[in-house]
């Protein structure tokens, strides 16, 4: 596995349904404000397919959320390095990723933050 600071994307936000994409954009903006390279999977694929794509892309942190996570403010985050899922808030996740990427060079995301807008991904 690549270190987090080298990974093209530090975190991928995956909402459970299409209705939660707007809330996903809010989470994405908070991550971007903190200098974390993140994107949002807004495609119409199944949840399992979107999670699998993130795993095949070697994304270090996969944030999967639904209504329950939004109400409790504790997101379900799959941590690739540890091979397990944790419950954490956005601010705690930002602190964790920043700790792993501090003192390393940083560059902004160089392609669209919505997966549906990227070449190579199927469109509706």
N, C-alpha and C. Protein backbone atom coordinates (compact mmCIF):
# COMPACT_ATOMS: atom_id res chain seq x y z
N UNK A 1 0.83 -1.19 0.00
CA UNK A 1 0.00 0.00 0.00
C UNK A 1 0.87 1.25 0.00
N UNK A 2 0.47 2.25 -0.76
CA UNK A 2 1.17 3.53 -0.76
C UNK A 2 0.88 4.28 0.53
N UNK A 3 1.85 5.08 0.99
CA UNK A 3 1.55 5.94 2.14
C UNK A 3 0.42 6.91 1.77
N UNK A 4 -0.31 7.37 2.76
CA UNK A 4 -1.47 8.22 2.50
C UNK A 4 -1.07 9.48 1.73
N UNK A 5 0.05 10.10 2.07
CA UNK A 5 0.43 11.36 1.43
C UNK A 5 0.75 11.18 -0.04
N UNK A 6 1.10 9.99 -0.49
CA UNK A 6 1.42 9.72 -1.90
C UNK A 6 0.16 9.36 -2.69
N UNK A 7 -0.84 8.83 -2.04
CA UNK A 7 -2.06 8.40 -2.72
C UNK A 7 -2.70 9.57 -3.46
N UNK A 8 -3.14 9.33 -4.71
CA UNK A 8 -3.78 10.41 -5.47
C UNK A 8 -5.02 10.97 -4.77
N UNK A 9 -5.76 10.09 -4.08
CA UNK A 9 -6.95 10.50 -3.32
C UNK A 9 -6.79 9.96 -1.91
N UNK A 10 -6.92 10.84 -0.92
CA UNK A 10 -6.81 10.42 0.48
C UNK A 10 -8.09 9.76 0.97
N UNK A 11 -9.23 10.29 0.54
CA UNK A 11 -10.52 9.79 1.04
C UNK A 11 -11.57 9.85 -0.06
N UNK A 12 -12.44 8.86 -0.06
CA UNK A 12 -13.57 8.85 -1.00
C UNK A 12 -14.85 8.81 -0.19
N UNK A 13 -15.77 9.71 -0.52
CA UNK A 13 -17.06 9.81 0.15
C UNK A 13 -18.10 9.05 -0.69
N UNK A 14 -18.79 8.10 -0.05
CA UNK A 14 -19.78 7.29 -0.76
C UNK A 14 -21.11 7.36 0.00
N UNK A 15 -22.09 8.11 -0.54
CA UNK A 15 -23.41 8.13 0.10
C UNK A 15 -24.18 6.86 -0.23
N UNK A 16 -25.05 6.45 0.70
CA UNK A 16 -25.85 5.24 0.49
C UNK A 16 -26.85 5.39 -0.64
N UNK A 17 -27.37 6.59 -0.83
CA UNK A 17 -28.38 6.79 -1.88
C UNK A 17 -28.13 8.12 -2.60
N UNK A 18 -28.78 8.28 -3.73
CA UNK A 18 -28.64 9.48 -4.56
C UNK A 18 -29.13 10.73 -3.81
N UNK A 19 -30.10 10.55 -2.90
CA UNK A 19 -30.65 11.68 -2.16
C UNK A 19 -29.63 12.29 -1.19
N UNK A 20 -28.59 11.55 -0.86
CA UNK A 20 -27.60 12.02 0.12
C UNK A 20 -26.37 12.65 -0.53
N UNK A 21 -26.38 12.82 -1.84
CA UNK A 21 -25.22 13.39 -2.53
C UNK A 21 -24.95 14.82 -2.04
N UNK A 22 -25.99 15.58 -1.79
CA UNK A 22 -25.84 16.96 -1.30
C UNK A 22 -25.12 16.98 0.05
N UNK A 23 -25.49 16.06 0.94
CA UNK A 23 -24.82 15.96 2.24
C UNK A 23 -23.37 15.48 2.05
N UNK A 24 -23.17 14.62 1.06
CA UNK A 24 -21.82 14.17 0.74
C UNK A 24 -20.94 15.31 0.27
N UNK A 25 -21.52 16.25 -0.48
CA UNK A 25 -20.76 17.42 -0.93
C UNK A 25 -20.33 18.27 0.26
N UNK A 26 -21.17 18.35 1.29
CA UNK A 26 -20.82 19.09 2.50
C UNK A 26 -19.62 18.45 3.19
N UNK A 27 -19.64 17.12 3.32
CA UNK A 27 -18.51 16.41 3.91
C UNK A 27 -17.26 16.61 3.07
N UNK A 28 -17.42 16.52 1.75
CA UNK A 28 -16.30 16.70 0.82
C UNK A 28 -15.68 18.09 0.96
N UNK A 29 -16.51 19.11 1.08
CA UNK A 29 -16.01 20.48 1.24
C UNK A 29 -15.21 20.63 2.53
N UNK A 30 -15.67 20.00 3.61
CA UNK A 30 -14.93 20.07 4.88
C UNK A 30 -13.55 19.42 4.75
N UNK A 31 -13.49 18.31 4.04
CA UNK A 31 -12.21 17.64 3.83
C UNK A 31 -11.29 18.49 2.95
N UNK A 32 -11.84 19.07 1.89
CA UNK A 32 -11.04 19.91 1.00
C UNK A 32 -10.51 21.15 1.70
N UNK A 33 -11.34 21.75 2.56
CA UNK A 33 -10.91 22.93 3.32
C UNK A 33 -9.70 22.61 4.20
N UNK A 34 -9.61 21.37 4.65
CA UNK A 34 -8.51 20.94 5.50
C UNK A 34 -7.28 20.52 4.68
N UNK A 35 -7.38 20.62 3.34
CA UNK A 35 -6.25 20.27 2.50
C UNK A 35 -6.14 18.78 2.19
N UNK A 36 -7.24 18.07 2.33
CA UNK A 36 -7.26 16.63 2.08
C UNK A 36 -7.80 16.39 0.67
N UNK A 37 -7.08 15.57 -0.09
CA UNK A 37 -7.55 15.22 -1.44
C UNK A 37 -8.67 14.20 -1.30
N UNK A 38 -9.87 14.60 -1.68
CA UNK A 38 -11.03 13.72 -1.53
C UNK A 38 -11.93 13.85 -2.76
N UNK A 39 -12.70 12.80 -2.99
CA UNK A 39 -13.67 12.83 -4.07
C UNK A 39 -14.97 12.19 -3.60
N UNK A 40 -16.00 12.30 -4.45
CA UNK A 40 -17.33 11.81 -4.11
C UNK A 40 -17.83 10.89 -5.21
N UNK A 41 -18.27 9.70 -4.85
CA UNK A 41 -18.81 8.76 -5.81
C UNK A 41 -20.32 8.98 -5.91
N UNK A 42 -20.72 9.73 -6.92
CA UNK A 42 -22.13 10.07 -7.11
C UNK A 42 -22.79 9.25 -8.22
N UNK A 43 -22.16 8.16 -8.63
CA UNK A 43 -22.69 7.33 -9.71
C UNK A 43 -23.90 6.52 -9.24
N UNK A 44 -24.64 5.99 -10.21
CA UNK A 44 -25.85 5.21 -9.91
C UNK A 44 -25.58 3.73 -9.67
N UNK A 45 -24.33 3.33 -9.57
CA UNK A 45 -23.99 1.93 -9.31
C UNK A 45 -24.47 1.51 -7.93
N UNK A 46 -24.43 0.21 -7.67
CA UNK A 46 -24.80 -0.29 -6.35
C UNK A 46 -23.74 0.14 -5.34
N UNK A 47 -24.11 0.12 -4.08
CA UNK A 47 -23.18 0.49 -3.02
C UNK A 47 -21.96 -0.43 -3.02
N UNK A 48 -22.20 -1.72 -3.16
CA UNK A 48 -21.09 -2.69 -3.16
C UNK A 48 -20.13 -2.41 -4.32
N UNK A 49 -20.66 -2.04 -5.47
CA UNK A 49 -19.82 -1.75 -6.63
C UNK A 49 -18.97 -0.50 -6.40
N UNK A 50 -19.57 0.51 -5.79
CA UNK A 50 -18.82 1.75 -5.52
C UNK A 50 -17.74 1.53 -4.48
N UNK A 51 -18.03 0.73 -3.45
CA UNK A 51 -17.02 0.42 -2.43
C UNK A 51 -15.90 -0.41 -3.05
N UNK A 52 -16.26 -1.36 -3.88
CA UNK A 52 -15.25 -2.20 -4.54
C UNK A 52 -14.35 -1.35 -5.44
N UNK A 53 -14.92 -0.41 -6.18
CA UNK A 53 -14.12 0.47 -7.02
C UNK A 53 -13.13 1.28 -6.20
N UNK A 54 -13.57 1.76 -5.04
CA UNK A 54 -12.68 2.52 -4.16
C UNK A 54 -11.56 1.63 -3.65
N UNK A 55 -11.88 0.39 -3.31
CA UNK A 55 -10.85 -0.54 -2.83
C UNK A 55 -9.86 -0.89 -3.94
N UNK A 56 -10.36 -1.08 -5.16
CA UNK A 56 -9.49 -1.38 -6.29
C UNK A 56 -8.61 -0.19 -6.67
N UNK A 57 -9.08 1.02 -6.35
CA UNK A 57 -8.30 2.24 -6.59
C UNK A 57 -7.33 2.53 -5.45
N UNK A 58 -7.31 1.67 -4.45
CA UNK A 58 -6.42 1.79 -3.28
C UNK A 58 -6.61 3.10 -2.52
N UNK A 59 -7.86 3.52 -2.37
CA UNK A 59 -8.15 4.73 -1.60
C UNK A 59 -7.97 4.40 -0.12
N UNK A 60 -7.11 5.15 0.60
CA UNK A 60 -6.82 4.82 2.01
C UNK A 60 -8.02 4.92 2.96
N UNK A 61 -8.91 5.90 2.75
CA UNK A 61 -10.06 6.09 3.63
C UNK A 61 -11.33 6.14 2.78
N UNK A 62 -12.26 5.22 3.05
CA UNK A 62 -13.53 5.16 2.33
C UNK A 62 -14.64 5.50 3.32
N UNK A 63 -15.30 6.62 3.08
CA UNK A 63 -16.35 7.11 3.99
C UNK A 63 -17.71 6.72 3.41
N UNK A 64 -18.41 5.83 4.09
CA UNK A 64 -19.74 5.40 3.67
C UNK A 64 -20.73 5.94 4.70
N UNK A 65 -21.76 6.65 4.21
CA UNK A 65 -22.70 7.22 5.18
C UNK A 65 -24.13 7.17 4.65
N UNK A 66 -25.05 7.20 5.61
CA UNK A 66 -26.48 7.26 5.34
C UNK A 66 -27.14 8.20 6.33
N UNK A 67 -28.43 8.13 6.41
CA UNK A 67 -29.18 9.00 7.33
C UNK A 67 -28.74 8.82 8.79
N UNK A 68 -28.55 7.57 9.19
CA UNK A 68 -28.17 7.27 10.58
C UNK A 68 -26.85 7.94 10.94
N UNK A 69 -25.87 7.86 10.05
CA UNK A 69 -24.55 8.47 10.32
C UNK A 69 -24.64 9.98 10.37
N UNK A 70 -25.49 10.56 9.52
CA UNK A 70 -25.66 12.01 9.55
C UNK A 70 -26.28 12.48 10.86
N UNK A 71 -27.26 11.72 11.36
CA UNK A 71 -27.91 12.10 12.62
C UNK A 71 -26.97 11.96 13.81
N UNK A 72 -26.16 10.90 13.82
CA UNK A 72 -25.26 10.68 14.95
C UNK A 72 -23.94 11.44 14.81
N UNK A 73 -23.68 11.99 13.60
CA UNK A 73 -22.44 12.70 13.30
C UNK A 73 -21.20 11.83 13.45
N UNK A 74 -21.38 10.53 13.38
CA UNK A 74 -20.27 9.56 13.40
C UNK A 74 -20.30 8.79 12.08
N UNK A 75 -19.33 9.05 11.25
CA UNK A 75 -19.27 8.41 9.94
C UNK A 75 -18.65 7.03 10.03
N UNK A 76 -19.05 6.17 9.13
CA UNK A 76 -18.48 4.85 9.02
C UNK A 76 -17.33 4.94 8.01
N UNK A 77 -16.09 4.71 8.47
CA UNK A 77 -14.92 4.89 7.62
C UNK A 77 -14.14 3.59 7.54
N UNK A 78 -13.91 3.11 6.33
CA UNK A 78 -13.08 1.93 6.11
C UNK A 78 -11.64 2.39 5.97
N UNK A 79 -10.77 1.90 6.84
CA UNK A 79 -9.37 2.27 6.83
C UNK A 79 -8.59 1.14 6.16
N UNK A 80 -8.04 1.41 4.99
CA UNK A 80 -7.39 0.36 4.21
C UNK A 80 -6.17 -0.22 4.93
N UNK A 81 -5.36 0.64 5.54
CA UNK A 81 -4.14 0.19 6.19
C UNK A 81 -4.41 -0.78 7.33
N UNK A 82 -5.46 -0.52 8.09
CA UNK A 82 -5.79 -1.36 9.24
C UNK A 82 -6.71 -2.52 8.87
N UNK A 83 -7.35 -2.44 7.71
CA UNK A 83 -8.25 -3.49 7.28
C UNK A 83 -9.51 -3.60 8.12
N UNK A 84 -9.94 -2.47 8.68
CA UNK A 84 -11.16 -2.50 9.49
C UNK A 84 -11.95 -1.22 9.32
N UNK A 85 -13.13 -1.21 9.90
CA UNK A 85 -14.02 -0.08 9.83
C UNK A 85 -14.08 0.63 11.18
N UNK A 86 -14.04 1.96 11.15
CA UNK A 86 -14.12 2.73 12.39
C UNK A 86 -15.29 3.71 12.30
N UNK A 87 -15.75 4.16 13.45
CA UNK A 87 -16.78 5.20 13.53
C UNK A 87 -16.08 6.46 14.03
N UNK A 88 -16.19 7.54 13.25
CA UNK A 88 -15.49 8.76 13.61
C UNK A 88 -16.23 9.97 13.05
N UNK A 89 -15.96 11.13 13.64
CA UNK A 89 -16.55 12.37 13.13
C UNK A 89 -15.65 12.92 12.03
N UNK A 90 -16.15 13.88 11.30
CA UNK A 90 -15.37 14.48 10.21
C UNK A 90 -14.12 15.15 10.77
N UNK A 91 -14.25 15.86 11.88
CA UNK A 91 -13.09 16.56 12.46
C UNK A 91 -12.03 15.57 12.94
N UNK A 92 -12.44 14.45 13.52
CA UNK A 92 -11.47 13.44 13.96
C UNK A 92 -10.77 12.81 12.77
N UNK A 93 -11.52 12.58 11.69
CA UNK A 93 -10.93 12.01 10.47
C UNK A 93 -9.93 12.99 9.85
N UNK A 94 -10.29 14.27 9.83
CA UNK A 94 -9.38 15.29 9.30
C UNK A 94 -8.08 15.30 10.11
N UNK A 95 -8.20 15.26 11.42
CA UNK A 95 -7.00 15.23 12.29
C UNK A 95 -6.15 14.01 12.00
N UNK A 96 -6.78 12.88 11.83
CA UNK A 96 -6.05 11.63 11.57
C UNK A 96 -5.28 11.69 10.24
N UNK A 97 -5.96 12.15 9.19
CA UNK A 97 -5.31 12.23 7.88
C UNK A 97 -4.22 13.29 7.88
N UNK A 98 -4.48 14.43 8.51
CA UNK A 98 -3.46 15.48 8.57
C UNK A 98 -2.21 15.01 9.31
N UNK A 99 -2.39 14.20 10.34
CA UNK A 99 -1.27 13.65 11.08
C UNK A 99 -0.41 12.77 10.17
N UNK A 100 -1.05 12.02 9.29
CA UNK A 100 -0.33 11.14 8.38
C UNK A 100 0.31 11.88 7.21
N UNK A 101 -0.18 13.08 6.90
CA UNK A 101 0.32 13.80 5.73
C UNK A 101 1.15 15.04 6.07
N UNK A 102 1.25 15.37 7.35
CA UNK A 102 2.01 16.58 7.69
C UNK A 102 3.50 16.41 7.37
N UNK A 103 4.13 17.49 7.05
CA UNK A 103 5.55 17.55 6.69
C UNK A 103 5.86 16.88 5.35
N UNK A 104 4.84 16.57 4.58
CA UNK A 104 5.04 16.03 3.24
C UNK A 104 4.48 17.03 2.23
N UNK A 105 5.02 17.02 1.01
CA UNK A 105 4.47 17.93 0.00
C UNK A 105 3.01 17.59 -0.30
N UNK A 106 2.25 18.61 -0.63
CA UNK A 106 0.83 18.40 -0.90
C UNK A 106 0.44 19.10 -2.19
N UNK A 107 -0.45 18.48 -2.90
CA UNK A 107 -0.95 19.03 -4.15
C UNK A 107 -2.45 18.78 -4.20
N UNK A 108 -3.18 19.72 -4.79
CA UNK A 108 -4.64 19.57 -4.88
C UNK A 108 -5.02 18.46 -5.85
N UNK A 109 -6.23 18.01 -5.75
CA UNK A 109 -6.78 17.00 -6.65
C UNK A 109 -6.74 17.55 -8.07
N UNK A 110 -6.25 16.77 -9.01
CA UNK A 110 -6.05 17.28 -10.38
C UNK A 110 -7.15 16.87 -11.35
N UNK A 111 -8.17 16.18 -10.88
CA UNK A 111 -9.28 15.78 -11.75
C UNK A 111 -10.59 16.04 -11.04
N UNK A 112 -11.73 15.94 -11.76
CA UNK A 112 -13.02 16.28 -11.13
C UNK A 112 -13.27 15.51 -9.84
N UNK A 113 -13.85 16.20 -8.87
CA UNK A 113 -14.10 15.57 -7.58
C UNK A 113 -15.31 14.65 -7.59
N UNK A 114 -16.17 14.76 -8.59
CA UNK A 114 -17.30 13.85 -8.73
C UNK A 114 -16.92 12.75 -9.73
N UNK A 115 -17.05 11.51 -9.32
CA UNK A 115 -16.64 10.40 -10.18
C UNK A 115 -17.45 10.32 -11.47
N UNK A 116 -18.69 10.77 -11.44
CA UNK A 116 -19.53 10.73 -12.64
C UNK A 116 -19.01 11.65 -13.73
N UNK A 117 -18.17 12.62 -13.38
CA UNK A 117 -17.64 13.59 -14.35
C UNK A 117 -16.28 13.19 -14.90
N UNK A 118 -15.73 12.08 -14.42
CA UNK A 118 -14.40 11.65 -14.85
C UNK A 118 -14.48 10.79 -16.11
N UNK A 119 -13.49 10.92 -16.97
CA UNK A 119 -13.46 10.03 -18.13
C UNK A 119 -13.21 8.59 -17.68
N UNK A 120 -13.79 7.65 -18.38
CA UNK A 120 -13.59 6.25 -18.04
C UNK A 120 -14.67 5.68 -17.15
N UNK A 121 -15.44 6.53 -16.49
CA UNK A 121 -16.56 6.06 -15.69
C UNK A 121 -17.83 6.20 -16.50
N UNK A 122 -18.70 5.23 -16.39
CA UNK A 122 -19.92 5.26 -17.21
C UNK A 122 -20.85 6.38 -16.76
N UNK A 123 -21.50 6.98 -17.73
CA UNK A 123 -22.45 8.05 -17.46
C UNK A 123 -23.86 7.56 -17.74
N UNK A 124 -24.83 8.26 -17.20
CA UNK A 124 -26.23 7.90 -17.43
C UNK A 124 -26.73 8.52 -18.70
